[in-house]
Amino acid sequence: MKLEKVKEVLNAKVFTGENKLSETVNSACGCDLMSDVLAFVKDQAMLLTGLVNPQVIRTAEMMDMKCIVFVRGKEPDETLIQMAKEKNIVLMSTQYPLYVACGRLYSRGLNPEGIEIDG
C-alpha cells in the first residue's frame, strides 16, 4: 500500500516525509511495546503506536521502517520530527485509536507483519 493511501485511509496528518508518500509498505505492526517490535517485526513495515518518544524513532530506524503513525491524535514534538527527518522516516498522526487504525488498513489489504492471511 502506498503511504499516500495510508494517509487517506487514516485521515492522517503528515509531519515528515511528504515527498515520500509514493513509497510502498507491505505490512504494518500496531504496538506500544518496542521490545515486541524488535522481537517480531521483519521486512519494511510501518509502525502504528500510541507512544511518542525518541525510542520509537530509534526502534523504527533499527528495523528499517519507512513510516510511523501515531494514533489517538498524538503528535510528535520538534525533537522527534528532527530525528525522523535525519533518519528519513515518514511521521503521521491519526485521530483513530490503534485498533481502529489497524483495522482500517487491514480491511483495505495491508497485512499484519509476518502473517499470511488465508481468504
PDB file of N, CA and C in Angstrom:
ATOM      1  N   MET A   1       0.850  -1.169   0.000  1.00  0.00           N
ATOM      2  CA  MET A   1       0.000   0.000   0.000  1.00  0.00           C
ATOM      3  C   MET A   1       0.903   1.242   0.000  1.00  0.00           C
ATOM      4  N   LYS A   2       0.586   2.170  -0.850  1.00  0.00           N
ATOM      5  CA  LYS A   2       1.352   3.414  -0.889  1.00  0.00           C
ATOM      6  C   LYS A   2       1.048   4.249   0.358  1.00  0.00           C
ATOM      7  N   LEU A   3       2.050   4.974   0.813  1.00  0.00           N
ATOM      8  CA  LEU A   3       1.877   5.797   2.003  1.00  0.00           C
ATOM      9  C   LEU A   3       0.821   6.883   1.800  1.00  0.00           C
ATOM     10  N   GLU A   4       0.635   7.335   0.581  1.00  0.00           N
ATOM     11  CA  GLU A   4      -0.421   8.326   0.342  1.00  0.00           C
ATOM     12  C   GLU A   4      -1.801   7.712   0.593  1.00  0.00           C
ATOM     13  N   LYS A   5      -1.942   6.406   0.307  1.00  0.00           N
ATOM     14  CA  LYS A   5      -3.194   5.699   0.595  1.00  0.00           C
ATOM     15  C   LYS A   5      -3.358   5.528   2.112  1.00  0.00           C
ATOM     16  N   VAL A   6      -2.278   5.242   2.813  1.00  0.00           N
ATOM     17  CA  VAL A   6      -2.312   5.164   4.276  1.00  0.00           C
ATOM     18  C   VAL A   6      -2.812   6.491   4.841  1.00  0.00           C
ATOM     19  N   LYS A   7      -2.258   7.573   4.333  1.00  0.00           N
ATOM     20  CA  LYS A   7      -2.674   8.910   4.775  1.00  0.00           C
ATOM     21  C   LYS A   7      -4.174   9.099   4.559  1.00  0.00           C
ATOM     22  N   GLU A   8      -4.652   8.688   3.413  1.00  0.00           N
ATOM     23  CA  GLU A   8      -6.069   8.843   3.076  1.00  0.00           C
ATOM     24  C   GLU A   8      -6.963   7.964   3.964  1.00  0.00           C
ATOM     25  N   VAL A   9      -6.603   6.694   4.089  1.00  0.00           N
ATOM     26  CA  VAL A   9      -7.404   5.742   4.867  1.00  0.00           C
ATOM     27  C   VAL A   9      -7.500   6.166   6.333  1.00  0.00           C
ATOM     28  N   LEU A  10      -6.416   6.713   6.866  1.00  0.00           N
ATOM     29  CA  LEU A  10      -6.382   7.097   8.274  1.00  0.00           C
ATOM     30  C   LEU A  10      -6.702   8.565   8.504  1.00  0.00           C
ATOM     31  N   ASN A  11      -6.973   9.291   7.402  1.00  0.00           N
ATOM     32  CA  ASN A  11      -7.206  10.731   7.508  1.00  0.00           C
ATOM     33  C   ASN A  11      -6.101  11.360   8.361  1.00  0.00           C
ATOM     34  N   ALA A  12      -4.874  11.029   8.001  1.00  0.00           N
ATOM     35  CA  ALA A  12      -3.703  11.364   8.814  1.00  0.00           C
ATOM     36  C   ALA A  12      -3.076  12.699   8.428  1.00  0.00           C
ATOM     37  N   LYS A  13      -2.460  13.298   9.407  1.00  0.00           N
ATOM     38  CA  LYS A  13      -1.653  14.499   9.232  1.00  0.00           C
ATOM     39  C   LYS A  13      -0.205  14.044   9.074  1.00  0.00           C
ATOM     40  N   VAL A  14       0.505  14.595   8.097  1.00  0.00           N
ATOM     41  CA  VAL A  14       1.897  14.224   7.835  1.00  0.00           C
ATOM     42  C   VAL A  14       2.819  15.287   8.430  1.00  0.00           C
ATOM     43  N   PHE A  15       3.804  14.832   9.195  1.00  0.00           N
ATOM     44  CA  PHE A  15       4.770  15.729   9.822  1.00  0.00           C
ATOM     45  C   PHE A  15       6.116  15.732   9.116  1.00  0.00           C
ATOM     46  N   THR A  16       6.518  14.581   8.599  1.00  0.00           N
ATOM     47  CA  THR A  16       7.775  14.483   7.854  1.00  0.00           C
ATOM     48  C   THR A  16       7.568  13.548   6.669  1.00  0.00           C
ATOM     49  N   GLY A  17       8.365  13.751   5.628  1.00  0.00           N
ATOM     50  CA  GLY A  17       8.363  12.830   4.503  1.00  0.00           C
ATOM     51  C   GLY A  17       7.239  12.990   3.518  1.00  0.00           C
ATOM     52  N   GLU A  18       6.679  14.153   3.424  1.00  0.00           N
ATOM     53  CA  GLU A  18       5.605  14.402   2.443  1.00  0.00           C
ATOM     54  C   GLU A  18       6.041  13.973   1.043  1.00  0.00           C
ATOM     55  N   ASN A  19       7.329  14.123   0.745  1.00  0.00           N
ATOM     56  CA  ASN A  19       7.854  13.750  -0.577  1.00  0.00           C
ATOM     57  C   ASN A  19       8.038  12.242  -0.736  1.00  0.00           C
ATOM     58  N   LYS A  20       7.792  11.457   0.307  1.00  0.00           N
ATOM     59  CA  LYS A  20       7.973  10.005   0.254  1.00  0.00           C
ATOM     60  C   LYS A  20       6.640   9.247   0.234  1.00  0.00           C
ATOM     61  N   LEU A  21       5.534   9.955   0.069  1.00  0.00           N
ATOM     62  CA  LEU A  21       4.226   9.314   0.138  1.00  0.00           C
ATOM     63  C   LEU A  21       3.933   8.383  -1.035  1.00  0.00           C
ATOM     64  N   SER A  22       4.753   8.424  -2.068  1.00  0.00           N
ATOM     65  CA  SER A  22       4.568   7.499  -3.190  1.00  0.00           C
ATOM     66  C   SER A  22       5.234   6.146  -2.916  1.00  0.00           C
ATOM     67  N   GLU A  23       5.960   6.027  -1.804  1.00  0.00           N
ATOM     68  CA  GLU A  23       6.605   4.766  -1.446  1.00  0.00           C
ATOM     69  C   GLU A  23       5.573   3.772  -0.923  1.00  0.00           C
ATOM     70  N   THR A  24       5.917   2.491  -0.984  1.00  0.00           N
ATOM     71  CA  THR A  24       5.013   1.413  -0.618  1.00  0.00           C
ATOM     72  C   THR A  24       5.464   0.717   0.662  1.00  0.00           C
ATOM     73  N   VAL A  25       4.494   0.367   1.503  1.00  0.00           N
ATOM     74  CA  VAL A  25       4.743  -0.516   2.648  1.00  0.00           C
ATOM     75  C   VAL A  25       3.948  -1.798   2.404  1.00  0.00           C
ATOM     76  N   ASN A  26       4.543  -2.916   2.779  1.00  0.00           N
ATOM     77  CA  ASN A  26       3.922  -4.216   2.522  1.00  0.00           C
ATOM     78  C   ASN A  26       3.223  -4.793   3.735  1.00  0.00           C
ATOM     79  N   SER A  27       3.484  -4.209   4.900  1.00  0.00           N
ATOM     80  CA  SER A  27       2.904  -4.740   6.125  1.00  0.00           C
ATOM     81  C   SER A  27       2.895  -3.647   7.188  1.00  0.00           C
ATOM     82  N   ALA A  28       2.183  -3.925   8.266  1.00  0.00           N
ATOM     83  CA  ALA A  28       2.110  -2.960   9.366  1.00  0.00           C
ATOM     84  C   ALA A  28       2.144  -3.692  10.696  1.00  0.00           C
ATOM     85  N   CYS A  29       2.552  -2.966  11.714  1.00  0.00           N
ATOM     86  CA  CYS A  29       2.612  -3.502  13.064  1.00  0.00           C
ATOM     87  C   CYS A  29       2.000  -2.460  13.995  1.00  0.00           C
ATOM     88  N   GLY A  30       0.998  -2.853  14.767  1.00  0.00           N
ATOM     89  CA  GLY A  30       0.407  -1.964  15.759  1.00  0.00           C
ATOM     90  C   GLY A  30       0.878  -2.388  17.132  1.00  0.00           C
ATOM     91  N   CYS A  31       1.672  -1.538  17.799  1.00  0.00           N
ATOM     92  CA  CYS A  31       2.284  -1.978  19.047  1.00  0.00           C
ATOM     93  C   CYS A  31       2.779  -0.780  19.858  1.00  0.00           C
ATOM     94  N   ASP A  32       2.665  -0.905  21.185  1.00  0.00           N
ATOM     95  CA  ASP A  32       3.233   0.098  22.075  1.00  0.00           C
ATOM     96  C   ASP A  32       4.458  -0.420  22.825  1.00  0.00           C
ATOM     97  N   LEU A  33       4.740  -1.711  22.714  1.00  0.00           N
ATOM     98  CA  LEU A  33       5.928  -2.288  23.351  1.00  0.00           C
ATOM     99  C   LEU A  33       7.046  -2.395  22.315  1.00  0.00           C
ATOM    100  N   MET A  34       8.031  -1.536  22.426  1.00  0.00           N
ATOM    101  CA  MET A  34       9.102  -1.540  21.439  1.00  0.00           C
ATOM    102  C   MET A  34       9.903  -2.837  21.494  1.00  0.00           C
ATOM    103  N   SER A  35       9.941  -3.502  22.639  1.00  0.00           N
ATOM    104  CA  SER A  35      10.625  -4.793  22.708  1.00  0.00           C
ATOM    105  C   SER A  35       9.918  -5.824  21.825  1.00  0.00           C
ATOM    106  N   ASP A  36       8.592  -5.769  21.745  1.00  0.00           N
ATOM    107  CA  ASP A  36       7.861  -6.666  20.854  1.00  0.00           C
ATOM    108  C   ASP A  36       8.141  -6.337  19.395  1.00  0.00           C
ATOM    109  N   VAL A  37       8.248  -5.062  19.082  1.00  0.00           N
ATOM    110  CA  VAL A  37       8.577  -4.663  17.707  1.00  0.00           C
ATOM    111  C   VAL A  37       9.939  -5.244  17.330  1.00  0.00           C
ATOM    112  N   LEU A  38      10.904  -5.108  18.229  1.00  0.00           N
ATOM    113  CA  LEU A  38      12.246  -5.635  17.954  1.00  0.00           C
ATOM    114  C   LEU A  38      12.240  -7.155  17.812  1.00  0.00           C
ATOM    115  N   ALA A  39      11.403  -7.827  18.579  1.00  0.00           N
ATOM    116  CA  ALA A  39      11.387  -9.282  18.578  1.00  0.00           C
ATOM    117  C   ALA A  39      10.634  -9.881  17.393  1.00  0.00           C
ATOM    118  N   PHE A  40       9.584  -9.219  16.925  1.00  0.00           N
ATOM    119  CA  PHE A  40       8.684  -9.866  15.974  1.00  0.00           C
ATOM    120  C   PHE A  40       8.614  -9.240  14.591  1.00  0.00           C
ATOM    121  N   VAL A  41       9.029  -8.011  14.414  1.00  0.00           N
ATOM    122  CA  VAL A  41       8.869  -7.334  13.124  1.00  0.00           C
ATOM    123  C   VAL A  41      10.041  -7.652  12.207  1.00  0.00           C
ATOM    124  N   LYS A  42       9.705  -7.976  10.956  1.00  0.00           N
ATOM    125  CA  LYS A  42      10.703  -8.200   9.917  1.00  0.00           C
ATOM    126  C   LYS A  42      10.244  -7.431   8.686  1.00  0.00           C
ATOM    127  N   ASP A  43      11.121  -7.309   7.722  1.00  0.00           N
ATOM    128  CA  ASP A  43      10.775  -6.640   6.466  1.00  0.00           C
ATOM    129  C   ASP A  43      10.508  -5.157   6.746  1.00  0.00           C
ATOM    130  N   GLN A  44      10.216  -4.427   5.724  1.00  0.00           N
ATOM    131  CA  GLN A  44       9.978  -2.994   5.873  1.00  0.00           C
ATOM    132  C   GLN A  44       8.526  -2.756   6.219  1.00  0.00           C
ATOM    133  N   ALA A  45       8.256  -2.615   7.488  1.00  0.00           N
ATOM    134  CA  ALA A  45       6.892  -2.433   7.973  1.00  0.00           C
ATOM    135  C   ALA A  45       6.657  -0.983   8.360  1.00  0.00           C
ATOM    136  N   MET A  46       5.426  -0.723   8.628  1.00  0.00           N
ATOM    137  CA  MET A  46       5.003   0.560   9.154  1.00  0.00           C
ATOM    138  C   MET A  46       4.567   0.313  10.589  1.00  0.00           C
ATOM    139  N   LEU A  47       4.926   1.212  11.481  1.00  0.00           N
ATOM    140  CA  LEU A  47       4.584   1.069  12.889  1.00  0.00           C
ATOM    141  C   LEU A  47       3.458   2.023  13.247  1.00  0.00           C
ATOM    142  N   LEU A  48       2.408   1.489  13.856  1.00  0.00           N
ATOM    143  CA  LEU A  48       1.341   2.305  14.422  1.00  0.00           C
ATOM    144  C   LEU A  48       1.469   2.186  15.929  1.00  0.00           C
ATOM    145  N   THR A  49       1.508   3.319  16.629  1.00  0.00           N
ATOM    146  CA  THR A  49       1.748   3.297  18.064  1.00  0.00           C
ATOM    147  C   THR A  49       1.156   4.522  18.747  1.00  0.00           C
ATOM    148  N   GLY A  50       0.895   4.366  20.032  1.00  0.00           N
ATOM    149  CA  GLY A  50       0.453   5.478  20.860  1.00  0.00           C
ATOM    150  C   GLY A  50       1.597   6.106  21.626  1.00  0.00           C
ATOM    151  N   LEU A  51       2.793   5.541  21.494  1.00  0.00           N
ATOM    152  CA  LEU A  51       3.961   6.104  22.173  1.00  0.00           C
ATOM    153  C   LEU A  51       4.565   7.213  21.336  1.00  0.00           C
ATOM    154  N   VAL A  52       4.890   8.303  21.988  1.00  0.00           N
ATOM    155  CA  VAL A  52       5.501   9.437  21.291  1.00  0.00           C
ATOM    156  C   VAL A  52       6.765   9.803  22.061  1.00  0.00           C
ATOM    157  N   ASN A  53       7.846   9.078  21.753  1.00  0.00           N
ATOM    158  CA  ASN A  53       9.121   9.353  22.404  1.00  0.00           C
ATOM    159  C   ASN A  53      10.269   8.949  21.479  1.00  0.00           C
ATOM    160  N   PRO A  54      11.495   9.357  21.810  1.00  0.00           N
ATOM    161  CA  PRO A  54      12.633   9.057  20.923  1.00  0.00           C
ATOM    162  C   PRO A  54      12.867   7.568  20.689  1.00  0.00           C
ATOM    163  N   GLN A  55      12.504   6.724  21.646  1.00  0.00           N
ATOM    164  CA  GLN A  55      12.718   5.288  21.484  1.00  0.00           C
ATOM    165  C   GLN A  55      11.944   4.733  20.282  1.00  0.00           C
ATOM    166  N   VAL A  56      10.806   5.316  19.988  1.00  0.00           N
ATOM    167  CA  VAL A  56      10.013   4.871  18.833  1.00  0.00           C
ATOM    168  C   VAL A  56      10.782   5.125  17.540  1.00  0.00           C
ATOM    169  N   ILE A  57      11.396   6.295  17.432  1.00  0.00           N
ATOM    170  CA  ILE A  57      12.185   6.628  16.237  1.00  0.00           C
ATOM    171  C   ILE A  57      13.390   5.698  16.147  1.00  0.00           C
ATOM    172  N   ARG A  58      14.076   5.477  17.253  1.00  0.00           N
ATOM    173  CA  ARG A  58      15.252   4.597  17.260  1.00  0.00           C
ATOM    174  C   ARG A  58      14.873   3.165  16.870  1.00  0.00           C
ATOM    175  N   THR A  59      13.760   2.694  17.389  1.00  0.00           N
ATOM    176  CA  THR A  59      13.305   1.340  17.062  1.00  0.00           C
ATOM    177  C   THR A  59      12.970   1.241  15.573  1.00  0.00           C
ATOM    178  N   ALA A  60      12.254   2.209  15.058  1.00  0.00           N
ATOM    179  CA  ALA A  60      11.900   2.206  13.636  1.00  0.00           C
ATOM    180  C   ALA A  60      13.146   2.226  12.756  1.00  0.00           C
ATOM    181  N   GLU A  61      14.133   2.993  13.171  1.00  0.00           N
ATOM    182  CA  GLU A  61      15.377   3.038  12.400  1.00  0.00           C
ATOM    183  C   GLU A  61      16.062   1.669  12.419  1.00  0.00           C
ATOM    184  N   MET A  62      16.160   1.057  13.585  1.00  0.00           N
ATOM    185  CA  MET A  62      16.809  -0.249  13.699  1.00  0.00           C
ATOM    186  C   MET A  62      16.115  -1.307  12.847  1.00  0.00           C
ATOM    187  N   MET A  63      14.784  -1.190  12.726  1.00  0.00           N
ATOM    188  CA  MET A  63      14.007  -2.174  11.990  1.00  0.00           C
ATOM    189  C   MET A  63      13.807  -1.778  10.527  1.00  0.00           C
ATOM    190  N   ASP A  64      14.449  -0.707  10.117  1.00  0.00           N
ATOM    191  CA  ASP A  64      14.383  -0.234   8.730  1.00  0.00           C
ATOM    192  C   ASP A  64      12.948   0.052   8.296  1.00  0.00           C
ATOM    193  N   MET A  65      12.173   0.652   9.184  1.00  0.00           N
ATOM    194  CA  MET A  65      10.784   1.007   8.875  1.00  0.00           C
ATOM    195  C   MET A  65      10.734   2.319   8.107  1.00  0.00           C
ATOM    196  N   LYS A  66       9.753   2.412   7.249  1.00  0.00           N
ATOM    197  CA  LYS A  66       9.590   3.610   6.438  1.00  0.00           C
ATOM    198  C   LYS A  66       8.707   4.655   7.096  1.00  0.00           C
ATOM    199  N   CYS A  67       7.796   4.228   7.957  1.00  0.00           N
ATOM    200  CA  CYS A  67       6.760   5.137   8.437  1.00  0.00           C
ATOM    201  C   CYS A  67       6.327   4.784   9.853  1.00  0.00           C
ATOM    202  N   ILE A  68       6.049   5.828  10.631  1.00  0.00           N
ATOM    203  CA  ILE A  68       5.441   5.685  11.952  1.00  0.00           C
ATOM    204  C   ILE A  68       4.152   6.493  11.936  1.00  0.00           C
ATOM    205  N   VAL A  69       3.071   5.864  12.405  1.00  0.00           N
ATOM    206  CA  VAL A  69       1.796   6.562  12.540  1.00  0.00           C
ATOM    207  C   VAL A  69       1.446   6.599  14.024  1.00  0.00           C
ATOM    208  N   PHE A  70       1.338   7.793  14.567  1.00  0.00           N
ATOM    209  CA  PHE A  70       0.906   7.964  15.952  1.00  0.00           C
ATOM    210  C   PHE A  70      -0.617   7.973  15.975  1.00  0.00           C
ATOM    211  N   VAL A  71      -1.193   7.223  16.897  1.00  0.00           N
ATOM    212  CA  VAL A  71      -2.647   7.081  16.980  1.00  0.00           C
ATOM    213  C   VAL A  71      -3.218   7.948  18.100  1.00  0.00           C
ATOM    214  N   ARG A  72      -4.545   7.980  18.175  1.00  0.00           N
ATOM    215  CA  ARG A  72      -5.274   8.729  19.203  1.00  0.00           C
ATOM    216  C   ARG A  72      -4.945  10.227  19.197  1.00  0.00           C
ATOM    217  N   GLY A  73      -4.610  10.753  18.028  1.00  0.00           N
ATOM    218  CA  GLY A  73      -4.364  12.181  17.896  1.00  0.00           C
ATOM    219  C   GLY A  73      -3.054  12.661  18.479  1.00  0.00           C
ATOM    220  N   LYS A  74      -2.189  11.741  18.870  1.00  0.00           N
ATOM    221  CA  LYS A  74      -0.897  12.138  19.434  1.00  0.00           C
ATOM    222  C   LYS A  74      -0.006  12.686  18.334  1.00  0.00           C
ATOM    223  N   GLU A  75       0.759  13.710  18.685  1.00  0.00           N
ATOM    224  CA  GLU A  75       1.625  14.358  17.704  1.00  0.00           C
ATOM    225  C   GLU A  75       3.053  14.439  18.235  1.00  0.00           C
ATOM    226  N   PRO A  76       4.023  14.287  17.340  1.00  0.00           N
ATOM    227  CA  PRO A  76       5.426  14.367  17.751  1.00  0.00           C
ATOM    228  C   PRO A  76       5.833  15.809  18.041  1.00  0.00           C
ATOM    229  N   ASP A  77       6.770  15.967  18.973  1.00  0.00           N
ATOM    230  CA  ASP A  77       7.311  17.300  19.213  1.00  0.00           C
ATOM    231  C   ASP A  77       8.428  17.570  18.199  1.00  0.00           C
ATOM    232  N   GLU A  78       8.991  18.735  18.265  1.00  0.00           N
ATOM    233  CA  GLU A  78      10.002  19.148  17.283  1.00  0.00           C
ATOM    234  C   GLU A  78      11.239  18.250  17.328  1.00  0.00           C
ATOM    235  N   THR A  79      11.598  17.754  18.505  1.00  0.00           N
ATOM    236  CA  THR A  79      12.749  16.858  18.622  1.00  0.00           C
ATOM    237  C   THR A  79      12.523  15.577  17.832  1.00  0.00           C
ATOM    238  N   LEU A  80      11.342  14.993  17.967  1.00  0.00           N
ATOM    239  CA  LEU A  80      11.033  13.765  17.227  1.00  0.00           C
ATOM    240  C   LEU A  80      10.951  14.014  15.732  1.00  0.00           C
ATOM    241  N   ILE A  81      10.401  15.142  15.364  1.00  0.00           N
ATOM    242  CA  ILE A  81      10.314  15.491  13.942  1.00  0.00           C
ATOM    243  C   ILE A  81      11.710  15.590  13.343  1.00  0.00           C
ATOM    244  N   GLN A  82      12.622  16.237  14.059  1.00  0.00           N
ATOM    245  CA  GLN A  82      14.003  16.365  13.572  1.00  0.00           C
ATOM    246  C   GLN A  82      14.683  15.006  13.475  1.00  0.00           C
ATOM    247  N   MET A  83      14.480  14.161  14.495  1.00  0.00           N
ATOM    248  CA  MET A  83      15.065  12.812  14.465  1.00  0.00           C
ATOM    249  C   MET A  83      14.558  12.030  13.254  1.00  0.00           C
ATOM    250  N   ALA A  84      13.260  12.099  13.004  1.00  0.00           N
ATOM    251  CA  ALA A  84      12.674  11.366  11.875  1.00  0.00           C
ATOM    252  C   ALA A  84      13.212  11.887  10.548  1.00  0.00           C
ATOM    253  N   LYS A  85      13.367  13.192  10.442  1.00  0.00           N
ATOM    254  CA  LYS A  85      13.929  13.760   9.205  1.00  0.00           C
ATOM    255  C   LYS A  85      15.343  13.243   8.971  1.00  0.00           C
ATOM    256  N   GLU A  86      16.139  13.222  10.034  1.00  0.00           N
ATOM    257  CA  GLU A  86      17.520  12.741   9.921  1.00  0.00           C
ATOM    258  C   GLU A  86      17.569  11.267   9.530  1.00  0.00           C
ATOM    259  N   LYS A  87      16.599  10.495   9.997  1.00  0.00           N
ATOM    260  CA  LYS A  87      16.573   9.051   9.734  1.00  0.00           C
ATOM    261  C   LYS A  87      15.758   8.701   8.497  1.00  0.00           C
ATOM    262  N   ASN A  88      15.182   9.713   7.858  1.00  0.00           N
ATOM    263  CA  ASN A  88      14.408   9.512   6.624  1.00  0.00           C
ATOM    264  C   ASN A  88      13.155   8.670   6.868  1.00  0.00           C
ATOM    265  N   ILE A  89      12.474   8.929   7.984  1.00  0.00           N
ATOM    266  CA  ILE A  89      11.271   8.198   8.365  1.00  0.00           C
ATOM    267  C   ILE A  89      10.063   9.128   8.246  1.00  0.00           C
ATOM    268  N   VAL A  90       9.011   8.651   7.613  1.00  0.00           N
ATOM    269  CA  VAL A  90       7.773   9.405   7.495  1.00  0.00           C
ATOM    270  C   VAL A  90       7.042   9.347   8.841  1.00  0.00           C
ATOM    271  N   LEU A  91       6.577  10.492   9.322  1.00  0.00           N
ATOM    272  CA  LEU A  91       5.770  10.551  10.545  1.00  0.00           C
ATOM    273  C   LEU A  91       4.387  11.051  10.213  1.00  0.00           C
ATOM    274  N   MET A  92       3.374  10.341  10.703  1.00  0.00           N
ATOM    275  CA  MET A  92       1.980  10.741  10.546  1.00  0.00           C
ATOM    276  C   MET A  92       1.274  10.636  11.889  1.00  0.00           C
ATOM    277  N   SER A  93       0.122  11.267  11.964  1.00  0.00           N
ATOM    278  CA  SER A  93      -0.740  11.147  13.144  1.00  0.00           C
ATOM    279  C   SER A  93      -2.180  11.018  12.686  1.00  0.00           C
ATOM    280  N   THR A  94      -2.916  10.127  13.366  1.00  0.00           N
ATOM    281  CA  THR A  94      -4.333   9.940  13.084  1.00  0.00           C
ATOM    282  C   THR A  94      -5.130  10.065  14.372  1.00  0.00           C
ATOM    283  N   GLN A  95      -6.373  10.459  14.255  1.00  0.00           N
ATOM    284  CA  GLN A  95      -7.260  10.544  15.410  1.00  0.00           C
ATOM    285  C   GLN A  95      -7.776   9.175  15.837  1.00  0.00           C
ATOM    286  N   TYR A  96      -7.694   8.198  14.931  1.00  0.00           N
ATOM    287  CA  TYR A  96      -8.216   6.870  15.246  1.00  0.00           C
ATOM    288  C   TYR A  96      -7.415   6.210  16.369  1.00  0.00           C
ATOM    289  N   PRO A  97      -8.085   5.404  17.211  1.00  0.00           N
ATOM    290  CA  PRO A  97      -7.340   4.588  18.172  1.00  0.00           C
ATOM    291  C   PRO A  97      -6.592   3.479  17.426  1.00  0.00           C
ATOM    292  N   LEU A  98      -5.660   2.839  18.088  1.00  0.00           N
ATOM    293  CA  LEU A  98      -4.809   1.831  17.464  1.00  0.00           C
ATOM    294  C   LEU A  98      -5.605   0.716  16.797  1.00  0.00           C
ATOM    295  N   TYR A  99      -6.580   0.179  17.498  1.00  0.00           N
ATOM    296  CA  TYR A  99      -7.383  -0.930  16.986  1.00  0.00           C
ATOM    297  C   TYR A  99      -8.104  -0.536  15.696  1.00  0.00           C
ATOM    298  N   VAL A 100      -8.707   0.611  15.689  1.00  0.00           N
ATOM    299  CA  VAL A 100      -9.463   1.069  14.514  1.00  0.00           C
ATOM    300  C   VAL A 100      -8.512   1.371  13.357  1.00  0.00           C
ATOM    301  N   ALA A 101      -7.399   2.035  13.641  1.00  0.00           N
ATOM    302  CA  ALA A 101      -6.437   2.369  12.586  1.00  0.00           C
ATOM    303  C   ALA A 101      -5.915   1.095  11.918  1.00  0.00           C
ATOM    304  N   CYS A 102      -5.535   0.111  12.720  1.00  0.00           N
ATOM    305  CA  CYS A 102      -5.055  -1.160  12.160  1.00  0.00           C
ATOM    306  C   CYS A 102      -6.156  -1.851  11.358  1.00  0.00           C
ATOM    307  N   GLY A 103      -7.370  -1.834  11.886  1.00  0.00           N
ATOM    308  CA  GLY A 103      -8.499  -2.458  11.193  1.00  0.00           C
ATOM    309  C   GLY A 103      -8.790  -1.808   9.858  1.00  0.00           C
ATOM    310  N   ARG A 104      -8.732  -0.490   9.813  1.00  0.00           N
ATOM    311  CA  ARG A 104      -8.982   0.218   8.548  1.00  0.00           C
ATOM    312  C   ARG A 104      -7.935  -0.158   7.498  1.00  0.00           C
ATOM    313  N   LEU A 105      -6.690  -0.231   7.900  1.00  0.00           N
ATOM    314  CA  LEU A 105      -5.629  -0.605   6.959  1.00  0.00           C
ATOM    315  C   LEU A 105      -5.764  -2.067   6.530  1.00  0.00           C
ATOM    316  N   TYR A 106      -6.043  -2.942   7.494  1.00  0.00           N
ATOM    317  CA  TYR A 106      -6.194  -4.364   7.199  1.00  0.00           C
ATOM    318  C   TYR A 106      -7.356  -4.603   6.227  1.00  0.00           C
ATOM    319  N   SER A 107      -8.465  -3.946   6.464  1.00  0.00           N
ATOM    320  CA  SER A 107      -9.642  -4.154   5.614  1.00  0.00           C
ATOM    321  C   SER A 107      -9.427  -3.650   4.195  1.00  0.00           C
ATOM    322  N   ARG A 108      -8.402  -2.855   3.999  1.00  0.00           N
ATOM    323  CA  ARG A 108      -8.075  -2.356   2.663  1.00  0.00           C
ATOM    324  C   ARG A 108      -6.864  -3.064   2.058  1.00  0.00           C
ATOM    325  N   GLY A 109      -6.445  -4.177   2.707  1.00  0.00           N
ATOM    326  CA  GLY A 109      -5.447  -5.033   2.088  1.00  0.00           C
ATOM    327  C   GLY A 109      -4.046  -5.009   2.661  1.00  0.00           C
ATOM    328  N   LEU A 110      -3.781  -4.193   3.666  1.00  0.00           N
ATOM    329  CA  LEU A 110      -2.442  -4.171   4.251  1.00  0.00           C
ATOM    330  C   LEU A 110      -2.360  -5.266   5.313  1.00  0.00           C
ATOM    331  N   ASN A 111      -1.457  -6.214   5.127  1.00  0.00           N
ATOM    332  CA  ASN A 111      -1.354  -7.370   6.010  1.00  0.00           C
ATOM    333  C   ASN A 111      -0.567  -7.064   7.270  1.00  0.00           C
ATOM    334  N   PRO A 112      -0.875  -7.820   8.340  1.00  0.00           N
ATOM    335  CA  PRO A 112      -0.040  -7.719   9.531  1.00  0.00           C
ATOM    336  C   PRO A 112       1.332  -8.292   9.235  1.00  0.00           C
ATOM    337  N   GLU A 113       2.324  -7.847   9.976  1.00  0.00           N
ATOM    338  CA  GLU A 113       3.700  -8.272   9.764  1.00  0.00           C
ATOM    339  C   GLU A 113       3.870  -9.780   9.977  1.00  0.00           C
ATOM    340  N   GLY A 114       4.442 -10.448   8.977  1.00  0.00           N
ATOM    341  CA  GLY A 114       4.846 -11.832   9.126  1.00  0.00           C
ATOM    342  C   GLY A 114       3.733 -12.859   9.174  1.00  0.00           C
ATOM    343  N   ILE A 115       2.512 -12.478   8.851  1.00  0.00           N
ATOM    344  CA  ILE A 115       1.392 -13.404   8.915  1.00  0.00           C
ATOM    345  C   ILE A 115       0.743 -13.515   7.543  1.00  0.00           C
ATOM    346  N   GLU A 116       0.627 -14.734   7.059  1.00  0.00           N
ATOM    347  CA  GLU A 116      -0.090 -14.929   5.802  1.00  0.00           C
ATOM    348  C   GLU A 116      -1.558 -15.118   6.108  1.00  0.00           C
ATOM    349  N   ILE A 117      -2.382 -14.395   5.390  1.00  0.00           N
ATOM    350  CA  ILE A 117      -3.818 -14.431   5.619  1.00  0.00           C
ATOM    351  C   ILE A 117      -4.465 -15.311   4.566  1.00  0.00           C
ATOM    352  N   ASP A 118      -5.227 -16.310   5.019  1.00  0.00           N
ATOM    353  CA  ASP A 118      -5.980 -17.161   4.099  1.00  0.00           C
ATOM    354  C   ASP A 118      -7.335 -16.537   3.885  1.00  0.00           C
ATOM    355  N   GLY A 119      -7.773 -16.442   2.584  1.00  0.00           N
ATOM    356  CA  GLY A 119      -9.027 -15.866   2.172  1.00  0.00           C
ATOM    357  C   GLY A 119     -10.100 -16.062   3.141  1.00  0.00           C
TER     358      GLY A 119
END
